[in-house]
Amino acid sequence: MIESSRRLLPMLPGLLLLLTVVLTNNPMAVAAPDQGAVLPLSAVARQGFVGITAAEMAADDALRQAEGLPYRFAVPVDVALTPS
């Protein structure tokens, strides 16, 4: 009995979260412990970002290859967001 309890103990937080989601029937309704209820996604402000085109990335890849630099694995995006 004690051994099975020790195996189940690490799963307790996940089980509690799953139970909360199932009981509320809304995965967006899970509340942070100190924040109160979470707003529905439709009520949350959204931010858009200007993307880099495939042609710009291809040009950058060609330049990096010509300079002997390693392959690009990500494209940096400068952001400055302040939660309200």
C-alpha atoms as a PDB file:
ATOM      1  CA  MET A   1       0.000   0.000   0.000  1.00  0.00           C
ATOM      2  CA  ILE A   2       2.778   2.452   0.916  1.00  0.00           C
ATOM      3  CA  GLU A   3       4.754   1.607  -2.234  1.00  0.00           C
ATOM      4  CA  SER A   4       1.760   2.298  -4.506  1.00  0.00           C
ATOM      5  CA  SER A   5       1.138   5.590  -2.683  1.00  0.00           C
ATOM      6  CA  ARG A   6       4.729   6.649  -3.330  1.00  0.00           C
ATOM      7  CA  ARG A   7       4.292   5.955  -7.045  1.00  0.00           C
ATOM      8  CA  LEU A   8       1.065   7.963  -7.241  1.00  0.00           C
ATOM      9  CA  LEU A   9       2.246  10.977  -5.209  1.00  0.00           C
ATOM     10  CA  PRO A  10       4.281  12.602  -8.049  1.00  0.00           C
ATOM     11  CA  MET A  11       1.191  12.421 -10.289  1.00  0.00           C
ATOM     12  CA  LEU A  12      -1.062  14.234  -7.799  1.00  0.00           C
ATOM     13  CA  PRO A  13      -0.650  17.803  -9.191  1.00  0.00           C
ATOM     14  CA  GLY A  14      -1.430  16.641 -12.715  1.00  0.00           C
ATOM     15  CA  LEU A  15      -4.418  14.649 -11.530  1.00  0.00           C
ATOM     16  CA  LEU A  16      -5.771  17.654  -9.630  1.00  0.00           C
ATOM     17  CA  LEU A  17      -5.401  19.859 -12.727  1.00  0.00           C
ATOM     18  CA  LEU A  18      -7.119  17.253 -14.877  1.00  0.00           C
ATOM     19  CA  LEU A  19      -9.934  17.002 -12.357  1.00  0.00           C
ATOM     20  CA  THR A  20     -10.352  20.800 -12.371  1.00  0.00           C
ATOM     21  CA  VAL A  21     -10.538  20.894 -16.161  1.00  0.00           C
ATOM     22  CA  VAL A  22     -12.998  18.007 -16.296  1.00  0.00           C
ATOM     23  CA  LEU A  23     -15.253  19.475 -13.613  1.00  0.00           C
ATOM     24  CA  THR A  24     -15.329  22.932 -15.188  1.00  0.00           C
ATOM     25  CA  ASN A  25     -15.590  21.463 -18.691  1.00  0.00           C
ATOM     26  CA  ASN A  26     -13.532  24.443 -19.882  1.00  0.00           C
ATOM     27  CA  PRO A  27      -9.725  24.195 -20.122  1.00  0.00           C
ATOM     28  CA  MET A  28      -9.457  28.006 -20.191  1.00  0.00           C
ATOM     29  CA  ALA A  29     -11.283  28.293 -16.853  1.00  0.00           C
ATOM     30  CA  VAL A  30      -8.436  26.980 -14.710  1.00  0.00           C
ATOM     31  CA  ALA A  31      -7.587  29.769 -12.268  1.00  0.00           C
ATOM     32  CA  ALA A  32      -4.138  30.707 -11.064  1.00  0.00           C
ATOM     33  CA  PRO A  33      -4.000  30.396  -7.269  1.00  0.00           C
ATOM     34  CA  ASP A  34      -3.437  34.115  -6.656  1.00  0.00           C
ATOM     35  CA  GLN A  35      -5.131  35.664  -9.683  1.00  0.00           C
ATOM     36  CA  GLY A  36      -8.764  34.637  -9.472  1.00  0.00           C
ATOM     37  CA  ALA A  37     -10.659  33.397 -12.514  1.00  0.00           C
ATOM     38  CA  VAL A  38      -8.960  33.386 -15.889  1.00  0.00           C
ATOM     39  CA  LEU A  39     -10.654  35.374 -18.636  1.00  0.00           C
ATOM     40  CA  PRO A  40     -11.975  33.526 -21.664  1.00  0.00           C
ATOM     41  CA  LEU A  41      -9.634  33.689 -24.644  1.00  0.00           C
ATOM     42  CA  SER A  42     -12.072  35.907 -26.562  1.00  0.00           C
ATOM     43  CA  ALA A  43     -11.675  38.607 -23.869  1.00  0.00           C
ATOM     44  CA  VAL A  44      -7.863  38.655 -23.938  1.00  0.00           C
ATOM     45  CA  ALA A  45      -6.083  41.291 -26.044  1.00  0.00           C
ATOM     46  CA  ARG A  46      -4.029  39.836 -28.878  1.00  0.00           C
ATOM     47  CA  GLN A  47      -0.744  41.084 -30.272  1.00  0.00           C
ATOM     48  CA  GLY A  48       0.369  40.605 -33.854  1.00  0.00           C
ATOM     49  CA  PHE A  49       3.925  40.568 -35.120  1.00  0.00           C
ATOM     50  CA  VAL A  50       5.325  41.523 -38.478  1.00  0.00           C
ATOM     51  CA  GLY A  51       6.937  38.418 -39.881  1.00  0.00           C
ATOM     52  CA  ILE A  52       9.973  37.878 -42.034  1.00  0.00           C
ATOM     53  CA  THR A  53       9.275  36.645 -45.544  1.00  0.00           C
ATOM     54  CA  ALA A  54      10.685  33.414 -46.915  1.00  0.00           C
ATOM     55  CA  ALA A  55      12.678  35.430 -49.464  1.00  0.00           C
ATOM     56  CA  GLU A  56      14.326  37.447 -46.669  1.00  0.00           C
ATOM     57  CA  MET A  57      15.226  34.264 -44.794  1.00  0.00           C
ATOM     58  CA  ALA A  58      16.632  32.678 -47.967  1.00  0.00           C
ATOM     59  CA  ALA A  59      18.782  35.769 -48.591  1.00  0.00           C
ATOM     60  CA  ASP A  60      20.033  35.648 -45.003  1.00  0.00           C
ATOM     61  CA  ASP A  61      20.782  31.916 -45.341  1.00  0.00           C
ATOM     62  CA  ALA A  62      22.772  32.529 -48.530  1.00  0.00           C
ATOM     63  CA  LEU A  63      24.746  35.339 -46.871  1.00  0.00           C
ATOM     64  CA  ARG A  64      25.514  33.178 -43.813  1.00  0.00           C
ATOM     65  CA  GLN A  65      26.619  30.302 -46.034  1.00  0.00           C
ATOM     66  CA  ALA A  66      28.880  32.611 -48.086  1.00  0.00           C
ATOM     67  CA  GLU A  67      30.469  33.897 -44.865  1.00  0.00           C
ATOM     68  CA  GLY A  68      30.997  30.366 -43.541  1.00  0.00           C
ATOM     69  CA  LEU A  69      28.642  30.890 -40.611  1.00  0.00           C
ATOM     70  CA  PRO A  70      26.598  28.042 -39.075  1.00  0.00           C
ATOM     71  CA  TYR A  71      23.036  27.337 -40.138  1.00  0.00           C
ATOM     72  CA  ARG A  72      20.281  29.523 -38.717  1.00  0.00           C
ATOM     73  CA  PHE A  73      18.007  27.688 -36.276  1.00  0.00           C
ATOM     74  CA  ALA A  74      15.738  30.569 -35.276  1.00  0.00           C
ATOM     75  CA  VAL A  75      14.693  34.051 -36.304  1.00  0.00           C
ATOM     76  CA  PRO A  76      14.908  36.629 -33.489  1.00  0.00           C
ATOM     77  CA  VAL A  77      11.919  38.898 -32.959  1.00  0.00           C
ATOM     78  CA  ASP A  78      12.282  41.990 -30.768  1.00  0.00           C
ATOM     79  CA  VAL A  79       9.271  42.449 -28.496  1.00  0.00           C
ATOM     80  CA  ALA A  80       8.353  44.673 -25.598  1.00  0.00           C
ATOM     81  CA  LEU A  81       5.075  43.661 -23.940  1.00  0.00           C
ATOM     82  CA  THR A  82       3.784  44.850 -20.605  1.00  0.00           C
ATOM     83  CA  PRO A  83       0.880  42.985 -19.028  1.00  0.00           C
ATOM     84  CA  SER A  84      -1.934  45.263 -18.012  1.00  0.00           C
END
